Structure formats: structure tokens, C-alpha cells
Amino acid sequence: MLKSFDDPAATEDWKGLRELDRAIAENRLMEYRVKKAWADPWERRGLLVFAGLITAFAIYAIIYDVIF
């Protein structure tokens, strides 16, 4: 039976997992999620569309309350 240090897959450096482990240890998991989402072009578009919808609704609500 292979021990963890004898197994080449166990000693392989996984950059993404190391970064995630560091994010959890530093209690910055939300920042990690946002950075990963922003790096993906489709998720970036989704975040921008969502922010635009929230902004449009806020503008609509303010205008509707002021005018009517």
C-alpha cells in the first residue's frame, strides 16, 4: 500500500486548491468567489447585468416615488 508521500498524485501541487485553502484560512472566501467569478467572461457579464438591473430598479423606484 502506498503512503501519502509515496503517491505521486498526493504530492502534486494543486494551485487552485492551495489558493482556496489559503482563502478559507484567512476567512476571505467571498473575495475568492468574486475574483473567480470576475475572471470568467460569462459570469462577469452576468454580474454586470445583475448590477444594472438592481440600479435600474433603484432609479425607477426613486423616480416613481418623487413624481407620483
PDB file of N, CA and C in Angstrom:
ATOM      1  N   MET A   1       0.834  -1.175   0.000  1.00  0.00           N
ATOM      2  CA  MET A   1       0.000   0.000   0.000  1.00  0.00           C
ATOM      3  C   MET A   1       0.887   1.250   0.000  1.00  0.00           C
ATOM      4  N   LEU A   2       0.474   2.234  -0.803  1.00  0.00           N
ATOM      5  CA  LEU A   2       1.253   3.467  -0.898  1.00  0.00           C
ATOM      6  C   LEU A   2       0.918   4.407   0.241  1.00  0.00           C
ATOM      7  N   LYS A   3       1.932   4.990   0.795  1.00  0.00           N
ATOM      8  CA  LYS A   3       1.718   6.036   1.790  1.00  0.00           C
ATOM      9  C   LYS A   3       1.553   7.364   1.057  1.00  0.00           C
ATOM     10  N   SER A   4       1.070   8.365   1.750  1.00  0.00           N
ATOM     11  CA  SER A   4       0.782   9.637   1.093  1.00  0.00           C
ATOM     12  C   SER A   4       2.027  10.252   0.451  1.00  0.00           C
ATOM     13  N   PHE A   5       3.186  10.087   1.056  1.00  0.00           N
ATOM     14  CA  PHE A   5       4.391  10.662   0.484  1.00  0.00           C
ATOM     15  C   PHE A   5       4.957   9.819  -0.649  1.00  0.00           C
ATOM     16  N   ASP A   6       4.516   8.552  -0.791  1.00  0.00           N
ATOM     17  CA  ASP A   6       4.946   7.703  -1.897  1.00  0.00           C
ATOM     18  C   ASP A   6       4.065   7.885  -3.132  1.00  0.00           C
ATOM     19  N   ASP A   7       2.875   8.390  -2.938  1.00  0.00           N
ATOM     20  CA  ASP A   7       1.925   8.547  -4.034  1.00  0.00           C
ATOM     21  C   ASP A   7       2.234   9.840  -4.784  1.00  0.00           C
ATOM     22  N   PRO A   8       2.551   9.762  -6.096  1.00  0.00           N
ATOM     23  CA  PRO A   8       2.882  10.986  -6.836  1.00  0.00           C
ATOM     24  C   PRO A   8       1.702  11.950  -6.929  1.00  0.00           C
ATOM     25  N   ALA A   9       0.488  11.433  -6.988  1.00  0.00           N
ATOM     26  CA  ALA A   9      -0.683  12.308  -7.077  1.00  0.00           C
ATOM     27  C   ALA A   9      -0.901  13.068  -5.769  1.00  0.00           C
ATOM     28  N   ALA A  10      -0.535  12.467  -4.653  1.00  0.00           N
ATOM     29  CA  ALA A  10      -0.725  13.112  -3.351  1.00  0.00           C
ATOM     30  C   ALA A  10       0.272  14.252  -3.147  1.00  0.00           C
ATOM     31  N   THR A  11       1.446  14.145  -3.746  1.00  0.00           N
ATOM     32  CA  THR A  11       2.451  15.192  -3.569  1.00  0.00           C
ATOM     33  C   THR A  11       2.377  16.251  -4.663  1.00  0.00           C
ATOM     34  N   GLU A  12       1.528  16.039  -5.651  1.00  0.00           N
ATOM     35  CA  GLU A  12       1.386  17.006  -6.744  1.00  0.00           C
ATOM     36  C   GLU A  12       0.805  18.308  -6.198  1.00  0.00           C
ATOM     37  N   ASP A  13       1.362  19.415  -6.637  1.00  0.00           N
ATOM     38  CA  ASP A  13       0.919  20.729  -6.161  1.00  0.00           C
ATOM     39  C   ASP A  13      -0.298  21.178  -6.959  1.00  0.00           C
ATOM     40  N   TRP A  14      -1.404  21.360  -6.274  1.00  0.00           N
ATOM     41  CA  TRP A  14      -2.629  21.830  -6.914  1.00  0.00           C
ATOM     42  C   TRP A  14      -2.821  23.285  -6.537  1.00  0.00           C
ATOM     43  N   LYS A  15      -2.523  24.176  -7.474  1.00  0.00           N
ATOM     44  CA  LYS A  15      -2.526  25.606  -7.195  1.00  0.00           C
ATOM     45  C   LYS A  15      -3.906  26.094  -6.766  1.00  0.00           C
ATOM     46  N   GLY A  16      -4.956  25.666  -7.446  1.00  0.00           N
ATOM     47  CA  GLY A  16      -6.296  26.123  -7.120  1.00  0.00           C
ATOM     48  C   GLY A  16      -6.733  25.712  -5.728  1.00  0.00           C
ATOM     49  N   LEU A  17      -6.408  24.490  -5.346  1.00  0.00           N
ATOM     50  CA  LEU A  17      -6.781  24.029  -4.012  1.00  0.00           C
ATOM     51  C   LEU A  17      -5.970  24.740  -2.937  1.00  0.00           C
ATOM     52  N   ARG A  18      -4.714  25.016  -3.228  1.00  0.00           N
ATOM     53  CA  ARG A  18      -3.885  25.738  -2.267  1.00  0.00           C
ATOM     54  C   ARG A  18      -4.434  27.151  -2.061  1.00  0.00           C
ATOM     55  N   GLU A  19      -4.854  27.785  -3.159  1.00  0.00           N
ATOM     56  CA  GLU A  19      -5.418  29.133  -3.062  1.00  0.00           C
ATOM     57  C   GLU A  19      -6.737  29.123  -2.287  1.00  0.00           C
ATOM     58  N   LEU A  20      -7.560  28.120  -2.530  1.00  0.00           N
ATOM     59  CA  LEU A  20      -8.830  28.002  -1.812  1.00  0.00           C
ATOM     60  C   LEU A  20      -8.591  27.751  -0.327  1.00  0.00           C
ATOM     61  N   ASP A  21      -7.640  26.892  -0.010  1.00  0.00           N
ATOM     62  CA  ASP A  21      -7.317  26.608   1.384  1.00  0.00           C
ATOM     63  C   ASP A  21      -6.817  27.864   2.098  1.00  0.00           C
ATOM     64  N   ARG A  22      -5.991  28.633   1.407  1.00  0.00           N
ATOM     65  CA  ARG A  22      -5.490  29.881   1.992  1.00  0.00           C
ATOM     66  C   ARG A  22      -6.634  30.872   2.195  1.00  0.00           C
ATOM     67  N   ALA A  23      -7.575  30.924   1.242  1.00  0.00           N
ATOM     68  CA  ALA A  23      -8.721  31.839   1.363  1.00  0.00           C
ATOM     69  C   ALA A  23      -9.590  31.470   2.558  1.00  0.00           C
ATOM     70  N   ILE A  24      -9.802  30.182   2.750  1.00  0.00           N
ATOM     71  CA  ILE A  24     -10.601  29.733   3.892  1.00  0.00           C
ATOM     72  C   ILE A  24      -9.875  30.053   5.197  1.00  0.00           C
ATOM     73  N   ALA A  25      -8.580  29.815   5.223  1.00  0.00           N
ATOM     74  CA  ALA A  25      -7.803  30.062   6.434  1.00  0.00           C
ATOM     75  C   ALA A  25      -7.803  31.548   6.800  1.00  0.00           C
ATOM     76  N   GLU A  26      -7.800  32.405   5.796  1.00  0.00           N
ATOM     77  CA  GLU A  26      -7.786  33.847   6.056  1.00  0.00           C
ATOM     78  C   GLU A  26      -9.196  34.424   6.120  1.00  0.00           C
ATOM     79  N   ASN A  27     -10.190  33.561   6.046  1.00  0.00           N
ATOM     80  CA  ASN A  27     -11.595  33.959   6.142  1.00  0.00           C
ATOM     81  C   ASN A  27     -11.956  34.989   5.076  1.00  0.00           C
ATOM     82  N   ARG A  28     -11.519  34.749   3.863  1.00  0.00           N
ATOM     83  CA  ARG A  28     -11.846  35.638   2.758  1.00  0.00           C
ATOM     84  C   ARG A  28     -12.434  34.844   1.591  1.00  0.00           C
ATOM     85  N   LEU A  29     -13.320  33.921   1.910  1.00  0.00           N
ATOM     86  CA  LEU A  29     -13.909  33.060   0.889  1.00  0.00           C
ATOM     87  C   LEU A  29     -14.764  33.856  -0.085  1.00  0.00           C
ATOM     88  N   MET A  30     -15.467  34.878   0.387  1.00  0.00           N
ATOM     89  CA  MET A  30     -16.300  35.683  -0.506  1.00  0.00           C
ATOM     90  C   MET A  30     -15.442  36.407  -1.532  1.00  0.00           C
ATOM     91  N   GLU A  31     -14.315  36.936  -1.104  1.00  0.00           N
ATOM     92  CA  GLU A  31     -13.402  37.614  -2.028  1.00  0.00           C
ATOM     93  C   GLU A  31     -12.895  36.627  -3.077  1.00  0.00           C
ATOM     94  N   TYR A  32     -12.594  35.407  -2.664  1.00  0.00           N
ATOM     95  CA  TYR A  32     -12.135  34.371  -3.585  1.00  0.00           C
ATOM     96  C   TYR A  32     -13.211  34.077  -4.622  1.00  0.00           C
ATOM     97  N   ARG A  33     -14.467  33.952  -4.180  1.00  0.00           N
ATOM     98  CA  ARG A  33     -15.567  33.655  -5.107  1.00  0.00           C
ATOM     99  C   ARG A  33     -15.767  34.785  -6.114  1.00  0.00           C
ATOM    100  N   VAL A  34     -15.690  36.017  -5.644  1.00  0.00           N
ATOM    101  CA  VAL A  34     -15.886  37.152  -6.543  1.00  0.00           C
ATOM    102  C   VAL A  34     -14.753  37.222  -7.562  1.00  0.00           C
ATOM    103  N   LYS A  35     -13.519  37.002  -7.125  1.00  0.00           N
ATOM    104  CA  LYS A  35     -12.384  37.031  -8.060  1.00  0.00           C
ATOM    105  C   LYS A  35     -12.509  35.934  -9.113  1.00  0.00           C
ATOM    106  N   LYS A  36     -12.923  34.734  -8.702  1.00  0.00           N
ATOM    107  CA  LYS A  36     -13.086  33.633  -9.654  1.00  0.00           C
ATOM    108  C   LYS A  36     -14.234  33.929 -10.611  1.00  0.00           C
ATOM    109  N   ALA A  37     -15.316  34.521 -10.107  1.00  0.00           N
ATOM    110  CA  ALA A  37     -16.453  34.850 -10.971  1.00  0.00           C
ATOM    111  C   ALA A  37     -16.065  35.965 -11.945  1.00  0.00           C
ATOM    112  N   TRP A  38     -15.306  36.946 -11.488  1.00  0.00           N
ATOM    113  CA  TRP A  38     -14.914  38.053 -12.347  1.00  0.00           C
ATOM    114  C   TRP A  38     -13.946  37.589 -13.433  1.00  0.00           C
ATOM    115  N   ALA A  39     -13.183  36.536 -13.178  1.00  0.00           N
ATOM    116  CA  ALA A  39     -12.231  36.032 -14.164  1.00  0.00           C
ATOM    117  C   ALA A  39     -12.940  35.326 -15.319  1.00  0.00           C
ATOM    118  N   ASP A  40     -14.137  34.809 -15.079  1.00  0.00           N
ATOM    119  CA  ASP A  40     -14.894  34.117 -16.113  1.00  0.00           C
ATOM    120  C   ASP A  40     -15.704  35.145 -16.902  1.00  0.00           C
ATOM    121  N   PRO A  41     -15.541  35.211 -18.238  1.00  0.00           N
ATOM    122  CA  PRO A  41     -16.248  36.239 -19.015  1.00  0.00           C
ATOM    123  C   PRO A  41     -17.771  36.152 -18.909  1.00  0.00           C
ATOM    124  N   TRP A  42     -18.334  34.960 -18.874  1.00  0.00           N
ATOM    125  CA  TRP A  42     -19.792  34.821 -18.792  1.00  0.00           C
ATOM    126  C   TRP A  42     -20.315  35.258 -17.429  1.00  0.00           C
ATOM    127  N   GLU A  43     -19.605  34.901 -16.391  1.00  0.00           N
ATOM    128  CA  GLU A  43     -20.038  35.321 -15.053  1.00  0.00           C
ATOM    129  C   GLU A  43     -19.864  36.821 -14.872  1.00  0.00           C
ATOM    130  N   ARG A  44     -18.827  37.390 -15.496  1.00  0.00           N
ATOM    131  CA  ARG A  44     -18.642  38.833 -15.424  1.00  0.00           C
ATOM    132  C   ARG A  44     -19.831  39.543 -16.068  1.00  0.00           C
ATOM    133  N   ARG A  45     -20.260  39.055 -17.224  1.00  0.00           N
ATOM    134  CA  ARG A  45     -21.438  39.643 -17.882  1.00  0.00           C
ATOM    135  C   ARG A  45     -22.668  39.497 -16.995  1.00  0.00           C
ATOM    136  N   GLY A  46     -22.828  38.341 -16.381  1.00  0.00           N
ATOM    137  CA  GLY A  46     -23.966  38.114 -15.504  1.00  0.00           C
ATOM    138  C   GLY A  46     -23.965  39.062 -14.316  1.00  0.00           C
ATOM    139  N   LEU A  47     -22.797  39.266 -13.719  1.00  0.00           N
ATOM    140  CA  LEU A  47     -22.693  40.199 -12.593  1.00  0.00           C
ATOM    141  C   LEU A  47     -23.020  41.621 -13.024  1.00  0.00           C
ATOM    142  N   LEU A  48     -22.543  42.022 -14.205  1.00  0.00           N
ATOM    143  CA  LEU A  48     -22.821  43.366 -14.692  1.00  0.00           C
ATOM    144  C   LEU A  48     -24.301  43.554 -15.023  1.00  0.00           C
ATOM    145  N   VAL A  49     -24.919  42.536 -15.619  1.00  0.00           N
ATOM    146  CA  VAL A  49     -26.353  42.612 -15.917  1.00  0.00           C
ATOM    147  C   VAL A  49     -27.159  42.693 -14.621  1.00  0.00           C
ATOM    148  N   PHE A  50     -26.794  41.883 -13.640  1.00  0.00           N
ATOM    149  CA  PHE A  50     -27.491  41.910 -12.351  1.00  0.00           C
ATOM    150  C   PHE A  50     -27.341  43.272 -11.673  1.00  0.00           C
ATOM    151  N   ALA A  51     -26.139  43.819 -11.690  1.00  0.00           N
ATOM    152  CA  ALA A  51     -25.916  45.142 -11.099  1.00  0.00           C
ATOM    153  C   ALA A  51     -26.708  46.207 -11.855  1.00  0.00           C
ATOM    154  N   GLY A  52     -26.786  46.068 -13.174  1.00  0.00           N
ATOM    155  CA  GLY A  52     -27.567  47.006 -13.972  1.00  0.00           C
ATOM    156  C   GLY A  52     -29.050  46.929 -13.655  1.00  0.00           C
ATOM    157  N   LEU A  53     -29.561  45.722 -13.473  1.00  0.00           N
ATOM    158  CA  LEU A  53     -30.973  45.557 -13.124  1.00  0.00           C
ATOM    159  C   LEU A  53     -31.289  46.157 -11.749  1.00  0.00           C
ATOM    160  N   ILE A  54     -30.423  45.923 -10.791  1.00  0.00           N
ATOM    161  CA  ILE A  54     -30.619  46.491  -9.456  1.00  0.00           C
ATOM    162  C   ILE A  54     -30.586  48.022  -9.523  1.00  0.00           C
ATOM    163  N   THR A  55     -29.639  48.572 -10.284  1.00  0.00           N
ATOM    164  CA  THR A  55     -29.539  50.024 -10.425  1.00  0.00           C
ATOM    165  C   THR A  55     -30.765  50.590 -11.125  1.00  0.00           C
ATOM    166  N   ALA A  56     -31.207  49.918 -12.196  1.00  0.00           N
ATOM    167  CA  ALA A  56     -32.402  50.371 -12.917  1.00  0.00           C
ATOM    168  C   ALA A  56     -33.630  50.351 -12.009  1.00  0.00           C
ATOM    169  N   PHE A  57     -33.771  49.321 -11.208  1.00  0.00           N
ATOM    170  CA  PHE A  57     -34.910  49.265 -10.294  1.00  0.00           C
ATOM    171  C   PHE A  57     -34.840  50.374  -9.251  1.00  0.00           C
ATOM    172  N   ALA A  58     -33.650  50.644  -8.741  1.00  0.00           N
ATOM    173  CA  ALA A  58     -33.496  51.714  -7.748  1.00  0.00           C
ATOM    174  C   ALA A  58     -33.852  53.067  -8.360  1.00  0.00           C
ATOM    175  N   ILE A  59     -33.404  53.317  -9.579  1.00  0.00           N
ATOM    176  CA  ILE A  59     -33.729  54.573 -10.262  1.00  0.00           C
ATOM    177  C   ILE A  59     -35.233  54.662 -10.504  1.00  0.00           C
ATOM    178  N   TYR A  60     -35.839  53.571 -10.946  1.00  0.00           N
ATOM    179  CA  TYR A  60     -37.290  53.534 -11.175  1.00  0.00           C
ATOM    180  C   TYR A  60     -38.047  53.825  -9.872  1.00  0.00           C
ATOM    181  N   ALA A  61     -37.642  53.185  -8.792  1.00  0.00           N
ATOM    182  CA  ALA A  61     -38.334  53.379  -7.514  1.00  0.00           C
ATOM    183  C   ALA A  61     -38.205  54.815  -7.029  1.00  0.00           C
ATOM    184  N   ILE A  62     -37.035  55.411  -7.188  1.00  0.00           N
ATOM    185  CA  ILE A  62     -36.836  56.796  -6.762  1.00  0.00           C
ATOM    186  C   ILE A  62     -37.683  57.741  -7.613  1.00  0.00           C
ATOM    187  N   ILE A  63     -37.655  57.554  -8.925  1.00  0.00           N
ATOM    188  CA  ILE A  63     -38.442  58.411  -9.818  1.00  0.00           C
ATOM    189  C   ILE A  63     -39.930  58.233  -9.553  1.00  0.00           C
ATOM    190  N   TYR A  64     -40.381  57.019  -9.386  1.00  0.00           N
ATOM    191  CA  TYR A  64     -41.800  56.759  -9.148  1.00  0.00           C
ATOM    192  C   TYR A  64     -42.269  57.397  -7.838  1.00  0.00           C
ATOM    193  N   ASP A  65     -41.423  57.368  -6.818  1.00  0.00           N
ATOM    194  CA  ASP A  65     -41.793  57.981  -5.534  1.00  0.00           C
ATOM    195  C   ASP A  65     -41.780  59.502  -5.600  1.00  0.00           C
ATOM    196  N   VAL A  66     -40.875  60.070  -6.349  1.00  0.00           N
ATOM    197  CA  VAL A  66     -40.759  61.527  -6.426  1.00  0.00           C
ATOM    198  C   VAL A  66     -41.866  62.111  -7.311  1.00  0.00           C
ATOM    199  N   ILE A  67     -42.121  61.500  -8.458  1.00  0.00           N
ATOM    200  CA  ILE A  67     -43.077  62.047  -9.417  1.00  0.00           C
ATOM    201  C   ILE A  67     -44.514  61.749  -8.997  1.00  0.00           C
ATOM    202  N   PHE A  68     -44.769  60.572  -8.537  1.00  0.00           N
ATOM    203  CA  PHE A  68     -46.162  60.187  -8.211  1.00  0.00           C
ATOM    204  C   PHE A  68     -46.327  60.196  -6.756  1.00  0.00           C
TER     205      PHE A  68
END
